N, C-alpha and C. Protein backbone atom coordinates (compact mmCIF):
# COMPACT_ATOMS: atom_id res chain seq x y z
N MET A 1 60.44 127.45 -261.31
CA MET A 1 60.31 128.34 -262.45
C MET A 1 61.39 129.42 -262.37
N MET A 2 62.03 129.67 -263.49
CA MET A 2 63.07 130.69 -263.55
C MET A 2 62.49 132.01 -263.98
N ASN A 3 63.06 133.10 -263.47
CA ASN A 3 62.64 134.43 -263.90
C ASN A 3 63.07 134.66 -265.34
N LYS A 4 62.35 135.54 -266.00
CA LYS A 4 62.73 135.94 -267.35
C LYS A 4 64.06 136.68 -267.29
N ILE A 5 64.89 136.47 -268.28
CA ILE A 5 66.20 137.10 -268.34
C ILE A 5 66.14 138.20 -269.39
N PRO A 6 66.25 139.49 -268.97
CA PRO A 6 66.21 140.56 -269.97
C PRO A 6 67.43 140.50 -270.87
N MET A 7 67.19 140.74 -272.15
CA MET A 7 68.25 140.61 -273.14
C MET A 7 67.95 141.54 -274.31
N THR A 8 68.99 142.15 -274.86
CA THR A 8 68.79 142.97 -276.05
C THR A 8 68.79 142.05 -277.28
N VAL A 9 68.42 142.60 -278.42
CA VAL A 9 68.43 141.83 -279.68
C VAL A 9 69.86 141.37 -279.97
N ASN A 10 70.86 142.25 -279.75
CA ASN A 10 72.26 141.88 -279.96
C ASN A 10 72.70 140.76 -279.02
N GLY A 11 72.25 140.83 -277.78
CA GLY A 11 72.57 139.79 -276.80
C GLY A 11 72.02 138.44 -277.24
N LEU A 12 70.81 138.44 -277.77
CA LEU A 12 70.19 137.21 -278.28
C LEU A 12 71.01 136.65 -279.44
N LYS A 13 71.42 137.54 -280.37
CA LYS A 13 72.22 137.10 -281.53
C LYS A 13 73.54 136.47 -281.07
N LYS A 14 74.22 137.13 -280.11
CA LYS A 14 75.51 136.63 -279.62
C LYS A 14 75.37 135.26 -278.97
N LEU A 15 74.32 135.09 -278.14
CA LEU A 15 74.12 133.78 -277.50
C LEU A 15 73.81 132.70 -278.53
N ASN A 16 72.98 133.04 -279.52
CA ASN A 16 72.65 132.07 -280.57
C ASN A 16 73.90 131.68 -281.37
N MET A 17 74.77 132.67 -281.64
CA MET A 17 76.02 132.38 -282.37
C MET A 17 76.94 131.49 -281.53
N GLU A 18 77.04 131.78 -280.24
CA GLU A 18 77.89 130.96 -279.36
C GLU A 18 77.36 129.53 -279.30
N LEU A 19 76.04 129.39 -279.18
CA LEU A 19 75.42 128.06 -279.11
C LEU A 19 75.68 127.28 -280.40
N LYS A 20 75.50 127.94 -281.54
CA LYS A 20 75.73 127.30 -282.83
C LYS A 20 77.19 126.84 -282.94
N ASN A 21 78.13 127.69 -282.53
CA ASN A 21 79.56 127.35 -282.56
C ASN A 21 79.87 126.17 -281.65
N LEU A 22 79.30 126.18 -280.43
CA LEU A 22 79.54 125.08 -279.49
C LEU A 22 79.02 123.76 -280.06
N LYS A 23 77.82 123.78 -280.64
CA LYS A 23 77.20 122.55 -281.14
C LYS A 23 77.82 122.07 -282.46
N ASN A 24 78.15 123.01 -283.35
CA ASN A 24 78.58 122.62 -284.70
C ASN A 24 80.08 122.59 -284.91
N VAL A 25 80.86 123.24 -284.04
CA VAL A 25 82.30 123.30 -284.23
C VAL A 25 83.04 122.67 -283.03
N ILE A 26 82.79 123.21 -281.85
CA ILE A 26 83.53 122.77 -280.66
C ILE A 26 83.20 121.33 -280.28
N ARG A 27 81.90 121.02 -280.18
CA ARG A 27 81.49 119.67 -279.78
C ARG A 27 82.08 118.60 -280.70
N PRO A 28 81.96 118.73 -282.04
CA PRO A 28 82.56 117.71 -282.92
C PRO A 28 84.08 117.59 -282.76
N LYS A 29 84.77 118.71 -282.54
CA LYS A 29 86.22 118.68 -282.32
C LYS A 29 86.56 117.87 -281.08
N ILE A 30 85.79 118.08 -280.01
CA ILE A 30 86.03 117.36 -278.76
C ILE A 30 85.77 115.86 -278.95
N ILE A 31 84.70 115.54 -279.64
CA ILE A 31 84.36 114.13 -279.90
C ILE A 31 85.50 113.46 -280.68
N ASN A 32 86.03 114.17 -281.67
CA ASN A 32 87.18 113.64 -282.43
C ASN A 32 88.41 113.48 -281.54
N ALA A 33 88.66 114.45 -280.67
CA ALA A 33 89.81 114.38 -279.76
C ALA A 33 89.69 113.18 -278.82
N ILE A 34 88.48 112.91 -278.35
CA ILE A 34 88.25 111.75 -277.46
C ILE A 34 88.50 110.46 -278.24
N ALA A 35 87.96 110.39 -279.45
CA ALA A 35 88.15 109.20 -280.29
C ALA A 35 89.64 108.97 -280.57
N GLU A 36 90.37 110.02 -280.89
CA GLU A 36 91.81 109.92 -281.16
C GLU A 36 92.57 109.44 -279.93
N SER A 37 92.26 110.07 -278.78
CA SER A 37 93.00 109.72 -277.56
C SER A 37 92.71 108.30 -277.09
N ARG A 38 91.54 107.77 -277.43
CA ARG A 38 91.20 106.38 -277.07
C ARG A 38 92.12 105.39 -277.80
N LYS A 39 92.57 105.78 -278.97
CA LYS A 39 93.45 104.92 -279.76
C LYS A 39 94.82 104.75 -279.10
N HIS A 40 95.15 105.65 -278.18
CA HIS A 40 96.46 105.62 -277.53
C HIS A 40 96.51 104.70 -276.31
N GLY A 41 95.58 103.78 -276.23
CA GLY A 41 95.67 102.74 -275.20
C GLY A 41 95.04 103.10 -273.87
N ASP A 42 95.71 102.71 -272.79
CA ASP A 42 95.20 102.79 -271.41
C ASP A 42 94.64 104.18 -271.09
N LEU A 43 93.33 104.23 -270.82
CA LEU A 43 92.67 105.50 -270.56
C LEU A 43 92.98 106.06 -269.17
N LYS A 44 93.38 105.19 -268.24
CA LYS A 44 93.66 105.66 -266.87
C LYS A 44 94.80 106.67 -266.84
N GLU A 45 95.79 106.47 -267.67
CA GLU A 45 96.95 107.35 -267.65
C GLU A 45 97.08 108.17 -268.93
N ASN A 46 95.96 108.36 -269.60
CA ASN A 46 95.94 109.09 -270.86
C ASN A 46 95.50 110.54 -270.61
N ALA A 47 96.46 111.44 -270.52
CA ALA A 47 96.18 112.85 -270.21
C ALA A 47 95.32 113.51 -271.28
N GLU A 48 95.59 113.18 -272.55
CA GLU A 48 94.82 113.76 -273.65
C GLU A 48 93.34 113.40 -273.53
N TYR A 49 93.09 112.15 -273.18
CA TYR A 49 91.72 111.66 -273.03
C TYR A 49 91.01 112.41 -271.90
N HIS A 50 91.69 112.51 -270.76
CA HIS A 50 91.07 113.18 -269.60
C HIS A 50 90.84 114.67 -269.86
N ALA A 51 91.77 115.30 -270.56
CA ALA A 51 91.62 116.72 -270.91
C ALA A 51 90.43 116.90 -271.85
N ALA A 52 90.29 116.01 -272.82
CA ALA A 52 89.19 116.08 -273.78
C ALA A 52 87.85 115.85 -273.08
N ARG A 53 87.82 114.90 -272.14
CA ARG A 53 86.58 114.63 -271.39
C ARG A 53 86.19 115.83 -270.52
N GLU A 54 87.19 116.48 -269.95
CA GLU A 54 86.95 117.67 -269.13
C GLU A 54 86.40 118.80 -270.01
N GLU A 55 87.00 118.96 -271.17
CA GLU A 55 86.55 119.97 -272.12
C GLU A 55 85.12 119.67 -272.57
N GLN A 56 84.83 118.39 -272.77
CA GLN A 56 83.49 117.98 -273.17
C GLN A 56 82.46 118.34 -272.09
N ALA A 57 82.80 118.09 -270.84
CA ALA A 57 81.89 118.41 -269.73
C ALA A 57 81.62 119.92 -269.68
N PHE A 58 82.68 120.71 -269.86
CA PHE A 58 82.54 122.16 -269.85
C PHE A 58 81.65 122.62 -271.01
N CYS A 59 81.89 122.07 -272.18
CA CYS A 59 81.13 122.41 -273.39
C CYS A 59 79.65 122.09 -273.20
N GLU A 60 79.35 120.88 -272.72
CA GLU A 60 77.95 120.47 -272.53
C GLU A 60 77.26 121.33 -271.48
N LYS A 61 78.00 121.70 -270.44
CA LYS A 61 77.44 122.56 -269.39
C LYS A 61 77.09 123.93 -269.98
N ARG A 62 77.99 124.49 -270.79
CA ARG A 62 77.76 125.80 -271.39
C ARG A 62 76.58 125.74 -272.37
N ILE A 63 76.46 124.66 -273.13
CA ILE A 63 75.33 124.49 -274.06
C ILE A 63 74.01 124.53 -273.28
N LYS A 64 73.95 123.76 -272.18
CA LYS A 64 72.73 123.71 -271.36
C LYS A 64 72.43 125.09 -270.76
N GLU A 65 73.48 125.78 -270.31
CA GLU A 65 73.35 127.12 -269.73
C GLU A 65 72.74 128.09 -270.76
N ILE A 66 73.29 128.08 -271.97
CA ILE A 66 72.81 128.99 -273.01
C ILE A 66 71.38 128.64 -273.40
N GLU A 67 71.10 127.35 -273.56
CA GLU A 67 69.74 126.94 -273.93
C GLU A 67 68.72 127.39 -272.89
N LEU A 68 69.09 127.30 -271.62
CA LEU A 68 68.20 127.73 -270.54
C LEU A 68 67.99 129.25 -270.60
N LYS A 69 69.07 129.98 -270.85
CA LYS A 69 68.96 131.45 -270.94
C LYS A 69 68.09 131.84 -272.13
N LEU A 70 68.28 131.17 -273.26
CA LEU A 70 67.48 131.48 -274.45
C LEU A 70 66.00 131.15 -274.20
N TYR A 71 65.75 130.04 -273.51
CA TYR A 71 64.38 129.63 -273.19
C TYR A 71 63.71 130.68 -272.31
N ASN A 72 64.47 131.24 -271.38
CA ASN A 72 63.93 132.22 -270.43
C ASN A 72 64.16 133.67 -270.85
N ALA A 73 64.65 133.86 -272.07
CA ALA A 73 64.98 135.22 -272.52
C ALA A 73 63.74 136.08 -272.71
N GLN A 74 63.83 137.30 -272.24
CA GLN A 74 62.81 138.31 -272.51
C GLN A 74 63.54 139.34 -273.37
N VAL A 75 63.40 139.19 -274.68
CA VAL A 75 64.14 140.03 -275.62
C VAL A 75 63.43 141.38 -275.74
N ILE A 76 64.20 142.43 -275.48
CA ILE A 76 63.66 143.77 -275.55
C ILE A 76 64.39 144.51 -276.66
N ASP A 77 63.64 144.89 -277.69
CA ASP A 77 64.20 145.68 -278.78
C ASP A 77 63.88 147.14 -278.47
N ILE A 78 64.89 147.86 -278.00
CA ILE A 78 64.70 149.25 -277.55
C ILE A 78 64.11 150.12 -278.65
N LYS A 79 64.37 149.78 -279.91
CA LYS A 79 63.83 150.58 -281.03
C LYS A 79 62.30 150.52 -281.08
N ASN A 80 61.72 149.47 -280.47
CA ASN A 80 60.26 149.31 -280.47
C ASN A 80 59.61 149.84 -279.20
N VAL A 81 60.42 150.40 -278.30
CA VAL A 81 59.89 150.93 -277.04
C VAL A 81 59.62 152.42 -277.25
N PRO A 82 58.39 152.88 -276.99
CA PRO A 82 58.11 154.31 -277.17
C PRO A 82 58.94 155.14 -276.18
N PHE A 83 59.61 156.17 -276.70
CA PHE A 83 60.48 157.00 -275.85
C PHE A 83 59.62 157.82 -274.89
N ASN A 84 59.92 157.69 -273.60
CA ASN A 84 59.15 158.45 -272.61
C ASN A 84 60.05 159.39 -271.80
N GLY A 85 61.29 159.57 -272.29
CA GLY A 85 62.19 160.49 -271.60
C GLY A 85 62.90 159.88 -270.41
N LYS A 86 62.62 158.62 -270.12
CA LYS A 86 63.23 157.97 -268.96
C LYS A 86 64.21 156.88 -269.40
N ILE A 87 65.15 156.60 -268.52
CA ILE A 87 66.12 155.53 -268.79
C ILE A 87 65.48 154.19 -268.48
N VAL A 88 65.53 153.30 -269.48
CA VAL A 88 64.98 151.95 -269.35
C VAL A 88 66.03 150.94 -269.85
N PHE A 89 65.75 149.67 -269.66
CA PHE A 89 66.62 148.61 -270.17
C PHE A 89 66.81 148.82 -271.67
N GLY A 90 68.07 148.76 -272.12
CA GLY A 90 68.37 148.90 -273.54
C GLY A 90 68.69 150.32 -273.96
N ALA A 91 68.42 151.29 -273.10
CA ALA A 91 68.69 152.70 -273.44
C ALA A 91 70.18 152.97 -273.48
N THR A 92 70.57 153.91 -274.34
CA THR A 92 71.95 154.40 -274.40
C THR A 92 71.94 155.75 -273.71
N VAL A 93 72.82 155.88 -272.72
CA VAL A 93 72.80 157.05 -271.84
C VAL A 93 74.15 157.75 -271.86
N SER A 94 74.13 159.07 -272.06
CA SER A 94 75.34 159.89 -271.93
C SER A 94 75.29 160.52 -270.54
N VAL A 95 76.36 160.32 -269.79
CA VAL A 95 76.43 160.88 -268.44
C VAL A 95 77.72 161.66 -268.28
N PHE A 96 77.68 162.60 -267.35
CA PHE A 96 78.87 163.39 -267.03
C PHE A 96 79.26 163.06 -265.60
N ASN A 97 80.48 162.52 -265.45
CA ASN A 97 80.98 162.20 -264.12
C ASN A 97 81.49 163.50 -263.51
N ILE A 98 80.76 164.01 -262.54
CA ILE A 98 81.07 165.30 -261.93
C ILE A 98 82.39 165.21 -261.15
N ASN A 99 82.64 164.06 -260.50
CA ASN A 99 83.87 163.87 -259.73
C ASN A 99 85.11 163.94 -260.62
N GLN A 100 85.04 163.30 -261.81
CA GLN A 100 86.20 163.22 -262.70
C GLN A 100 86.18 164.24 -263.83
N ASN A 101 85.07 165.00 -263.94
CA ASN A 101 84.91 165.97 -265.02
C ASN A 101 85.06 165.28 -266.39
N LYS A 102 84.39 164.12 -266.54
CA LYS A 102 84.49 163.30 -267.75
C LYS A 102 83.11 162.84 -268.22
N LYS A 103 82.97 162.72 -269.55
CA LYS A 103 81.71 162.23 -270.13
C LYS A 103 81.85 160.74 -270.47
N PHE A 104 80.78 159.98 -270.23
CA PHE A 104 80.75 158.55 -270.55
C PHE A 104 79.45 158.24 -271.27
N ILE A 105 79.49 157.21 -272.11
CA ILE A 105 78.26 156.73 -272.76
C ILE A 105 78.12 155.26 -272.41
N PHE A 106 76.94 154.90 -271.89
CA PHE A 106 76.66 153.53 -271.50
C PHE A 106 75.38 153.06 -272.18
N CYS A 107 75.34 151.76 -272.45
CA CYS A 107 74.09 151.13 -272.90
C CYS A 107 73.76 150.08 -271.84
N ILE A 108 72.53 150.08 -271.37
CA ILE A 108 72.12 149.15 -270.31
C ILE A 108 71.64 147.86 -270.95
N VAL A 109 72.33 146.76 -270.63
CA VAL A 109 72.09 145.46 -271.27
C VAL A 109 71.93 144.35 -270.23
N GLY A 110 71.69 143.14 -270.71
CA GLY A 110 71.58 141.98 -269.83
C GLY A 110 72.95 141.57 -269.29
N ASP A 111 72.94 140.76 -268.25
CA ASP A 111 74.19 140.31 -267.59
C ASP A 111 75.20 139.70 -268.57
N ASP A 112 74.72 138.86 -269.48
CA ASP A 112 75.62 138.16 -270.41
C ASP A 112 76.26 139.09 -271.44
N GLU A 113 75.63 140.21 -271.67
CA GLU A 113 76.11 141.14 -272.70
C GLU A 113 77.08 142.17 -272.15
N ALA A 114 77.07 142.36 -270.84
CA ALA A 114 77.84 143.43 -270.21
C ALA A 114 79.32 143.35 -270.58
N ASN A 115 79.87 144.49 -270.97
CA ASN A 115 81.29 144.61 -271.27
C ASN A 115 81.64 146.08 -271.07
N PHE A 116 82.18 146.37 -269.90
CA PHE A 116 82.41 147.77 -269.51
C PHE A 116 83.29 148.51 -270.51
N LYS A 117 84.30 147.81 -271.06
CA LYS A 117 85.21 148.46 -272.02
C LYS A 117 84.47 148.91 -273.27
N GLU A 118 83.37 148.21 -273.60
CA GLU A 118 82.57 148.58 -274.77
C GLU A 118 81.40 149.50 -274.41
N GLY A 119 81.34 149.90 -273.14
CA GLY A 119 80.25 150.78 -272.70
C GLY A 119 78.93 150.06 -272.48
N LEU A 120 79.00 148.74 -272.33
CA LEU A 120 77.80 147.93 -272.09
C LEU A 120 77.75 147.56 -270.61
N ILE A 121 76.77 148.12 -269.88
CA ILE A 121 76.70 147.84 -268.44
C ILE A 121 75.48 146.99 -268.12
N SER A 122 75.68 146.07 -267.19
CA SER A 122 74.62 145.15 -266.79
C SER A 122 73.49 145.91 -266.10
N VAL A 123 72.28 145.50 -266.42
CA VAL A 123 71.08 146.07 -265.81
C VAL A 123 71.14 145.89 -264.28
N ASN A 124 71.91 144.91 -263.82
CA ASN A 124 72.02 144.65 -262.38
C ASN A 124 73.19 145.36 -261.70
N SER A 125 73.95 146.14 -262.47
CA SER A 125 75.09 146.86 -261.90
C SER A 125 74.60 148.05 -261.08
N PRO A 126 75.41 148.49 -260.10
CA PRO A 126 75.02 149.67 -259.32
C PRO A 126 74.76 150.89 -260.20
N MET A 127 75.57 151.05 -261.25
CA MET A 127 75.41 152.19 -262.17
C MET A 127 74.04 152.15 -262.84
N ALA A 128 73.71 151.00 -263.45
CA ALA A 128 72.43 150.88 -264.16
C ALA A 128 71.26 151.03 -263.19
N ARG A 129 71.37 150.41 -262.02
CA ARG A 129 70.27 150.51 -261.04
C ARG A 129 70.05 151.97 -260.62
N SER A 130 71.12 152.75 -260.57
CA SER A 130 70.99 154.17 -260.22
C SER A 130 70.37 154.98 -261.36
N LEU A 131 70.59 154.55 -262.60
CA LEU A 131 70.11 155.30 -263.77
C LEU A 131 68.66 154.99 -264.17
N ILE A 132 68.25 153.73 -264.01
CA ILE A 132 66.92 153.31 -264.47
C ILE A 132 65.84 154.23 -263.87
N GLY A 133 64.97 154.71 -264.77
CA GLY A 133 63.84 155.53 -264.33
C GLY A 133 64.15 157.02 -264.25
N LYS A 134 65.41 157.39 -264.40
CA LYS A 134 65.80 158.80 -264.32
C LYS A 134 65.63 159.48 -265.67
N LYS A 135 65.67 160.84 -265.65
CA LYS A 135 65.46 161.64 -266.86
C LYS A 135 66.69 162.50 -267.15
N LYS A 136 66.69 163.10 -268.34
CA LYS A 136 67.77 164.00 -268.76
C LYS A 136 67.92 165.13 -267.73
N LEU A 137 69.18 165.44 -267.43
CA LEU A 137 69.61 166.48 -266.48
C LEU A 137 69.49 166.08 -265.01
N ASP A 138 68.90 164.90 -264.72
CA ASP A 138 68.88 164.42 -263.34
C ASP A 138 70.31 164.18 -262.87
N ILE A 139 70.52 164.34 -261.57
CA ILE A 139 71.81 164.02 -260.94
C ILE A 139 71.62 162.69 -260.22
N VAL A 140 72.52 161.75 -260.46
CA VAL A 140 72.44 160.45 -259.77
C VAL A 140 73.71 160.21 -258.97
N LEU A 141 73.54 159.56 -257.84
CA LEU A 141 74.66 159.17 -257.01
C LEU A 141 74.83 157.67 -257.13
N VAL A 142 76.03 157.23 -257.48
CA VAL A 142 76.28 155.81 -257.66
C VAL A 142 77.28 155.36 -256.61
N ASN A 143 76.86 154.35 -255.87
CA ASN A 143 77.72 153.80 -254.82
C ASN A 143 78.71 152.83 -255.47
N THR A 144 79.98 153.19 -255.51
CA THR A 144 81.01 152.35 -256.14
C THR A 144 81.99 151.89 -255.06
N PRO A 145 82.82 150.90 -255.39
CA PRO A 145 83.82 150.44 -254.41
C PRO A 145 84.73 151.58 -253.91
N SER A 146 84.94 152.60 -254.76
CA SER A 146 85.82 153.69 -254.35
C SER A 146 85.04 154.88 -253.76
N GLY A 147 83.78 154.66 -253.45
CA GLY A 147 82.97 155.71 -252.84
C GLY A 147 81.81 156.12 -253.73
N ILE A 148 81.11 157.16 -253.30
CA ILE A 148 79.94 157.63 -254.05
C ILE A 148 80.40 158.56 -255.18
N VAL A 149 79.91 158.28 -256.39
CA VAL A 149 80.26 159.07 -257.56
C VAL A 149 78.99 159.77 -258.05
N LYS A 150 79.14 161.06 -258.38
CA LYS A 150 78.01 161.87 -258.81
C LYS A 150 78.05 162.03 -260.34
N TYR A 151 76.90 161.72 -260.97
CA TYR A 151 76.77 161.84 -262.42
C TYR A 151 75.58 162.74 -262.75
N GLN A 152 75.69 163.46 -263.86
CA GLN A 152 74.54 164.16 -264.40
C GLN A 152 74.20 163.50 -265.73
N ILE A 153 72.92 163.25 -265.95
CA ILE A 153 72.47 162.62 -267.19
C ILE A 153 72.39 163.70 -268.28
N LEU A 154 73.16 163.50 -269.36
CA LEU A 154 73.21 164.47 -270.45
C LEU A 154 72.23 164.14 -271.56
N ASP A 155 72.06 162.86 -271.85
CA ASP A 155 71.22 162.46 -272.97
C ASP A 155 70.76 161.02 -272.80
N ILE A 156 69.59 160.72 -273.34
CA ILE A 156 69.02 159.36 -273.30
C ILE A 156 68.54 159.05 -274.71
N GLN A 157 68.96 157.90 -275.23
CA GLN A 157 68.52 157.50 -276.57
C GLN A 157 68.03 156.06 -276.54
N TYR A 158 67.00 155.79 -277.31
CA TYR A 158 66.51 154.43 -277.51
C TYR A 158 66.96 154.05 -278.92
N ILE A 159 68.21 153.58 -279.06
CA ILE A 159 68.75 153.25 -280.38
C ILE A 159 69.18 151.80 -280.47
């Protein structure tokens, strides 16, 4: 049995869109590429055929991966979570990096949704693990590859 995979509503939409694209666009293109390359004779030395088959294997693996994640998804819509003043999965958090004298805004999301450049941090990241359960004005210490970084929580929103 697999554990439930926490996911935001946006994360669910993105995975569903990727799955739809893989099944309805990518898969048929690969099937056509395989059919075309078969027409070129000897399959043993047909690079196009082998490349298409490799792409097909990757595509099918990704489809199965997404289907499994969707099956095990625990979708959390932060807008439906009563605000209790604490940082939870899906919360948007404003923090002040005391070491760098800089403000950052992060949203805590599932592993598949994480994109640091967009301010989306994985619930399993050291940053998110340090923030979960904390309240406004708390000071948190985050163990990073470059050492311990001190943050103060400025704001928490369930948006």
